[in-house]
Amino acid sequence: MPVIKGGKKHALPAGNGRLLKLELLSNPEALCLVRATVERAAEVLHFPDTDTRAIVRSVDEALANVMRHAYGGNPGKPIEVVCNKVKLDGGAKGKRAGLEIVLEDRGAAPDPAKFKSRPLDEIRPGGLGLHFIRESMDVVEFRRKKGKNQLRLVKYLSPAEQDPGS
C-alpha cells in the first residue's frame, strides 16, 4: 500500500532518465558511499543544500532500516539503489524536475500498517526516521512486488530552483 505525502499519487511520464544504479550488500560501511553518491546526484540536479541534505538523510535512514529490519542485521544481503531524473507535469505550473530514488531489497516483507513513527513529544533516541523521511520527501511509496520490497522516494525542485534549460 503506497504511503504518499499530501494524499495524492503523482504520475510520472515516460522519458525520465536514469542517473545511476547501485548494487550493494547490506553492510553499514557502504552507507557512506551511497550518501556521497546521492549527494552528488542531488547537486547535479541543482537542489539547494537544505534539500540535498534532506534527500541524503532520507536515503541513509531508509537503507539503515532495510539493513536493520528487512535483513535483521545480517550482512551480505543484496540492496539496489536506483536514482532517476524525473519531470512531473504540473499543469498550468509547467513541468517540475525532480529526483526519484528507488530502494529494493529481498528482505522480510514488512507490515505497512506498522510503519509508524513514535510520538514526537516522547523524548528518547530512535523511532523518528520514518517521520523525517515523510517530512523531507514529496512522495514516499512502499510496495512488495515479486518477493522484493520497493521503497520509492521522490523530491521535486521548486519552480524557482529549476535550471532554465531543464
C-alpha atoms as a PDB file:
ATOM      1  CA  MET A   1       0.000   0.000   0.000  1.00  0.00           C
ATOM      2  CA  PRO A   2       1.533   3.349  -1.011  1.00  0.00           C
ATOM      3  CA  VAL A   3       2.263   5.961   1.597  1.00  0.00           C
ATOM      4  CA  ILE A   4       2.018   9.280  -0.171  1.00  0.00           C
ATOM      5  CA  LYS A   5       2.638  12.717   1.266  1.00  0.00           C
ATOM      6  CA  GLY A   6      -0.210  15.057   0.547  1.00  0.00           C
ATOM      7  CA  GLY A   7      -2.612  12.222  -0.215  1.00  0.00           C
ATOM      8  CA  LYS A   8      -2.102  12.365  -3.999  1.00  0.00           C
ATOM      9  CA  LYS A   9      -0.315   9.869  -6.183  1.00  0.00           C
ATOM     10  CA  HIS A  10       1.969  11.561  -8.690  1.00  0.00           C
ATOM     11  CA  ALA A  11       2.056  10.021 -12.160  1.00  0.00           C
ATOM     12  CA  LEU A  12       5.418  10.314 -13.834  1.00  0.00           C
ATOM     13  CA  PRO A  13       5.518  10.469 -17.626  1.00  0.00           C
ATOM     14  CA  ALA A  14       7.707   8.208 -19.739  1.00  0.00           C
ATOM     15  CA  GLY A  15      11.065   9.530 -20.866  1.00  0.00           C
ATOM     16  CA  ASN A  16      12.538  10.268 -17.482  1.00  0.00           C
ATOM     17  CA  GLY A  17      16.229   9.459 -17.278  1.00  0.00           C
ATOM     18  CA  ARG A  18      18.160   7.029 -15.156  1.00  0.00           C
ATOM     19  CA  LEU A  19      21.104   8.725 -13.495  1.00  0.00           C
ATOM     20  CA  LEU A  20      22.635   5.724 -11.770  1.00  0.00           C
ATOM     21  CA  LYS A  21      22.097   2.270 -10.362  1.00  0.00           C
ATOM     22  CA  LEU A  22      23.999   0.978  -7.341  1.00  0.00           C
ATOM     23  CA  GLU A  23      24.096  -2.641  -6.275  1.00  0.00           C
ATOM     24  CA  LEU A  24      25.396  -3.074  -2.766  1.00  0.00           C
ATOM     25  CA  LEU A  25      25.356  -5.540   0.085  1.00  0.00           C
ATOM     26  CA  SER A  26      23.785  -4.916   3.471  1.00  0.00           C
ATOM     27  CA  ASN A  27      26.846  -3.572   5.191  1.00  0.00           C
ATOM     28  CA  PRO A  28      26.730  -0.333   7.211  1.00  0.00           C
ATOM     29  CA  GLU A  29      30.159   0.599   5.836  1.00  0.00           C
ATOM     30  CA  ALA A  30      28.556   1.017   2.394  1.00  0.00           C
ATOM     31  CA  LEU A  31      26.269   3.784   3.674  1.00  0.00           C
ATOM     32  CA  CYS A  32      28.943   6.478   3.370  1.00  0.00           C
ATOM     33  CA  LEU A  33      29.431   5.600  -0.316  1.00  0.00           C
ATOM     34  CA  VAL A  34      25.706   5.765  -1.012  1.00  0.00           C
ATOM     35  CA  ARG A  35      25.394   9.068   0.883  1.00  0.00           C
ATOM     36  CA  ALA A  36      28.182  10.620  -1.201  1.00  0.00           C
ATOM     37  CA  THR A  37      26.691   9.340  -4.455  1.00  0.00           C
ATOM     38  CA  VAL A  38      23.150  10.525  -3.689  1.00  0.00           C
ATOM     39  CA  GLU A  39      24.511  13.881  -2.538  1.00  0.00           C
ATOM     40  CA  ARG A  40      26.295  14.349  -5.852  1.00  0.00           C
ATOM     41  CA  ALA A  41      23.194  13.318  -7.837  1.00  0.00           C
ATOM     42  CA  ALA A  42      21.118  15.941  -5.982  1.00  0.00           C
ATOM     43  CA  GLU A  43      23.799  18.575  -6.602  1.00  0.00           C
ATOM     44  CA  VAL A  44      23.901  17.766 -10.324  1.00  0.00           C
ATOM     45  CA  LEU A  45      20.145  18.388 -10.462  1.00  0.00           C
ATOM     46  CA  HIS A  46      20.635  21.766  -8.714  1.00  0.00           C
ATOM     47  CA  PHE A  47      18.899  21.005  -5.424  1.00  0.00           C
ATOM     48  CA  PRO A  48      19.670  23.583  -2.746  1.00  0.00           C
ATOM     49  CA  ASP A  49      21.893  22.442   0.123  1.00  0.00           C
ATOM     50  CA  THR A  50      18.999  22.030   2.565  1.00  0.00           C
ATOM     51  CA  ASP A  51      17.078  19.765   0.174  1.00  0.00           C
ATOM     52  CA  THR A  52      20.239  17.835  -0.706  1.00  0.00           C
ATOM     53  CA  ARG A  53      20.860  17.117   2.984  1.00  0.00           C
ATOM     54  CA  ALA A  54      17.224  16.055   3.454  1.00  0.00           C
ATOM     55  CA  ILE A  55      17.408  13.678   0.475  1.00  0.00           C
ATOM     56  CA  VAL A  56      20.673  12.149   1.682  1.00  0.00           C
ATOM     57  CA  ARG A  57      19.344  11.783   5.238  1.00  0.00           C
ATOM     58  CA  SER A  58      16.166  10.107   3.938  1.00  0.00           C
ATOM     59  CA  VAL A  59      18.051   7.583   1.798  1.00  0.00           C
ATOM     60  CA  ASP A  60      20.506   6.875   4.617  1.00  0.00           C
ATOM     61  CA  GLU A  61      17.676   6.256   7.086  1.00  0.00           C
ATOM     62  CA  ALA A  62      15.782   4.057   4.629  1.00  0.00           C
ATOM     63  CA  LEU A  63      18.880   1.941   3.922  1.00  0.00           C
ATOM     64  CA  ALA A  64      19.625   1.608   7.629  1.00  0.00           C
ATOM     65  CA  ASN A  65      16.042   0.380   8.113  1.00  0.00           C
ATOM     66  CA  VAL A  66      16.466  -2.181   5.329  1.00  0.00           C
ATOM     67  CA  MET A  67      19.651  -3.471   6.941  1.00  0.00           C
ATOM     68  CA  ARG A  68      18.201  -3.478  10.457  1.00  0.00           C
ATOM     69  CA  HIS A  69      14.637  -4.635   9.858  1.00  0.00           C
ATOM     70  CA  ALA A  70      14.295  -6.337   6.456  1.00  0.00           C
ATOM     71  CA  TYR A  71      17.580  -8.225   6.812  1.00  0.00           C
ATOM     72  CA  GLY A  72      17.672  -8.456  10.609  1.00  0.00           C
ATOM     73  CA  GLY A  73      21.202  -7.054  10.765  1.00  0.00           C
ATOM     74  CA  ASN A  74      22.614  -9.841   8.589  1.00  0.00           C
ATOM     75  CA  PRO A  75      25.431  -8.572   6.358  1.00  0.00           C
ATOM     76  CA  GLY A  76      25.956  -9.505   2.730  1.00  0.00           C
ATOM     77  CA  LYS A  77      22.338  -9.284   1.558  1.00  0.00           C
ATOM     78  CA  PRO A  78      21.554  -7.508  -1.765  1.00  0.00           C
ATOM     79  CA  ILE A  79      20.193  -3.975  -1.960  1.00  0.00           C
ATOM     80  CA  GLU A  80      19.671  -1.983  -5.128  1.00  0.00           C
ATOM     81  CA  VAL A  81      19.526   1.820  -5.270  1.00  0.00           C
ATOM     82  CA  VAL A  82      18.329   3.478  -8.481  1.00  0.00           C
ATOM     83  CA  CYS A  83      18.335   7.248  -8.993  1.00  0.00           C
ATOM     84  CA  ASN A  84      16.281   8.762 -11.800  1.00  0.00           C
ATOM     85  CA  LYS A  85      15.807  12.301 -13.005  1.00  0.00           C
ATOM     86  CA  VAL A  86      12.062  12.857 -13.278  1.00  0.00           C
ATOM     87  CA  LYS A  87       9.690  15.507 -14.522  1.00  0.00           C
ATOM     88  CA  LEU A  88       6.191  15.966 -13.230  1.00  0.00           C
ATOM     89  CA  ASP A  89       3.679  17.670 -15.468  1.00  0.00           C
ATOM     90  CA  GLY A  90       2.295  20.273 -13.112  1.00  0.00           C
ATOM     91  CA  GLY A  91      -0.436  21.501 -15.465  1.00  0.00           C
ATOM     92  CA  ALA A  92      -0.564  25.298 -15.517  1.00  0.00           C
ATOM     93  CA  LYS A  93       2.526  25.393 -13.312  1.00  0.00           C
ATOM     94  CA  GLY A  94       4.589  23.687 -16.016  1.00  0.00           C
ATOM     95  CA  LYS A  95       6.918  20.731 -15.588  1.00  0.00           C
ATOM     96  CA  ARG A  96       8.795  20.244 -12.314  1.00  0.00           C
ATOM     97  CA  ALA A  97      12.102  18.431 -12.311  1.00  0.00           C
ATOM     98  CA  GLY A  98      12.987  16.104  -9.502  1.00  0.00           C
ATOM     99  CA  LEU A  99      14.963  13.165  -8.218  1.00  0.00           C
ATOM    100  CA  GLU A 100      13.415   9.718  -7.769  1.00  0.00           C
ATOM    101  CA  ILE A 101      15.240   7.143  -5.658  1.00  0.00           C
ATOM    102  CA  VAL A 102      14.048   3.544  -5.583  1.00  0.00           C
ATOM    103  CA  LEU A 103      15.447   1.156  -2.970  1.00  0.00           C
ATOM    104  CA  GLU A 104      14.878  -2.538  -3.493  1.00  0.00           C
ATOM    105  CA  ASP A 105      15.688  -5.471  -1.224  1.00  0.00           C
ATOM    106  CA  ARG A 106      14.783  -9.122  -0.843  1.00  0.00           C
ATOM    107  CA  GLY A 107      14.306  -8.996   2.892  1.00  0.00           C
ATOM    108  CA  ALA A 108      11.360  -9.935   5.054  1.00  0.00           C
ATOM    109  CA  ALA A 109       8.066  -8.433   3.968  1.00  0.00           C
ATOM    110  CA  PRO A 110       7.147  -5.722   6.478  1.00  0.00           C
ATOM    111  CA  ASP A 111       3.618  -4.895   7.516  1.00  0.00           C
ATOM    112  CA  PRO A 112       2.927  -1.376   6.136  1.00  0.00           C
ATOM    113  CA  ALA A 113       0.327  -0.903   8.891  1.00  0.00           C
ATOM    114  CA  LYS A 114       3.253  -0.893  11.331  1.00  0.00           C
ATOM    115  CA  PHE A 115       5.061   1.945   9.516  1.00  0.00           C
ATOM    116  CA  LYS A 116       4.539   4.384  12.350  1.00  0.00           C
ATOM    117  CA  SER A 117       6.821   6.882  13.979  1.00  0.00           C
ATOM    118  CA  ARG A 118       6.761   7.259  17.708  1.00  0.00           C
ATOM    119  CA  PRO A 119       5.113  10.410  19.122  1.00  0.00           C
ATOM    120  CA  LEU A 120       7.325  13.466  18.631  1.00  0.00           C
ATOM    121  CA  ASP A 121       6.910  14.549  22.238  1.00  0.00           C
ATOM    122  CA  GLU A 122       8.269  11.231  23.535  1.00  0.00           C
ATOM    123  CA  ILE A 123      11.890  12.073  24.273  1.00  0.00           C
ATOM    124  CA  ARG A 124      14.175   9.117  23.589  1.00  0.00           C
ATOM    125  CA  PRO A 125      16.549   8.108  20.811  1.00  0.00           C
ATOM    126  CA  GLY A 126      15.317   6.320  17.718  1.00  0.00           C
ATOM    127  CA  GLY A 127      11.963   5.813  16.072  1.00  0.00           C
ATOM    128  CA  LEU A 128      11.760   9.076  14.118  1.00  0.00           C
ATOM    129  CA  GLY A 129      13.420   8.040  10.855  1.00  0.00           C
ATOM    130  CA  LEU A 130      10.184   7.394   9.015  1.00  0.00           C
ATOM    131  CA  HIS A 131       8.819  10.720  10.256  1.00  0.00           C
ATOM    132  CA  PHE A 132      11.860  12.548   8.847  1.00  0.00           C
ATOM    133  CA  ILE A 133      11.615  10.676   5.541  1.00  0.00           C
ATOM    134  CA  ARG A 134       7.941  11.595   5.135  1.00  0.00           C
ATOM    135  CA  GLU A 135       8.584  15.220   6.054  1.00  0.00           C
ATOM    136  CA  SER A 136      11.603  15.551   3.759  1.00  0.00           C
ATOM    137  CA  MET A 137      10.360  13.877   0.583  1.00  0.00           C
ATOM    138  CA  ASP A 138       7.441  14.822  -1.680  1.00  0.00           C
ATOM    139  CA  VAL A 139       6.497  11.207  -2.460  1.00  0.00           C
ATOM    140  CA  VAL A 140       7.064   8.173  -0.229  1.00  0.00           C
ATOM    141  CA  GLU A 141       5.641   4.889  -1.526  1.00  0.00           C
ATOM    142  CA  PHE A 142       6.224   1.329  -0.384  1.00  0.00           C
ATOM    143  CA  ARG A 143       5.198  -1.842  -2.141  1.00  0.00           C
ATOM    144  CA  ARG A 144       6.059  -5.503  -2.254  1.00  0.00           C
ATOM    145  CA  LYS A 145       6.493  -6.855  -5.786  1.00  0.00           C
ATOM    146  CA  LYS A 146       7.672 -10.297  -6.885  1.00  0.00           C
ATOM    147  CA  GLY A 147       9.201 -11.101  -3.498  1.00  0.00           C
ATOM    148  CA  LYS A 148      11.013  -7.759  -3.237  1.00  0.00           C
ATOM    149  CA  ASN A 149      10.443  -4.706  -1.070  1.00  0.00           C
ATOM    150  CA  GLN A 150      10.477  -1.448  -3.030  1.00  0.00           C
ATOM    151  CA  LEU A 151      10.630   1.983  -1.461  1.00  0.00           C
ATOM    152  CA  ARG A 152      10.172   4.916  -3.836  1.00  0.00           C
ATOM    153  CA  LEU A 153      11.244   8.376  -2.698  1.00  0.00           C
ATOM    154  CA  VAL A 154      10.794  11.497  -4.832  1.00  0.00           C
ATOM    155  CA  LYS A 155      11.862  15.071  -4.203  1.00  0.00           C
ATOM    156  CA  TYR A 156      10.870  17.854  -6.611  1.00  0.00           C
ATOM    157  CA  LEU A 157      12.676  21.109  -7.188  1.00  0.00           C
ATOM    158  CA  SER A 158      10.594  24.185  -6.599  1.00  0.00           C
ATOM    159  CA  PRO A 159       9.991  26.091  -9.864  1.00  0.00           C
ATOM    160  CA  ALA A 160      12.366  28.877  -8.773  1.00  0.00           C
ATOM    161  CA  GLU A 161      15.202  26.351  -8.240  1.00  0.00           C
ATOM    162  CA  GLN A 162      14.991  24.670 -11.633  1.00  0.00           C
ATOM    163  CA  ASP A 163      17.626  25.197 -14.232  1.00  0.00           C
ATOM    164  CA  PRO A 164      16.013  27.201 -17.076  1.00  0.00           C
ATOM    165  CA  GLY A 165      17.348  24.618 -19.538  1.00  0.00           C
ATOM    166  CA  SER A 166      15.775  21.644 -17.749  1.00  0.00           C
END
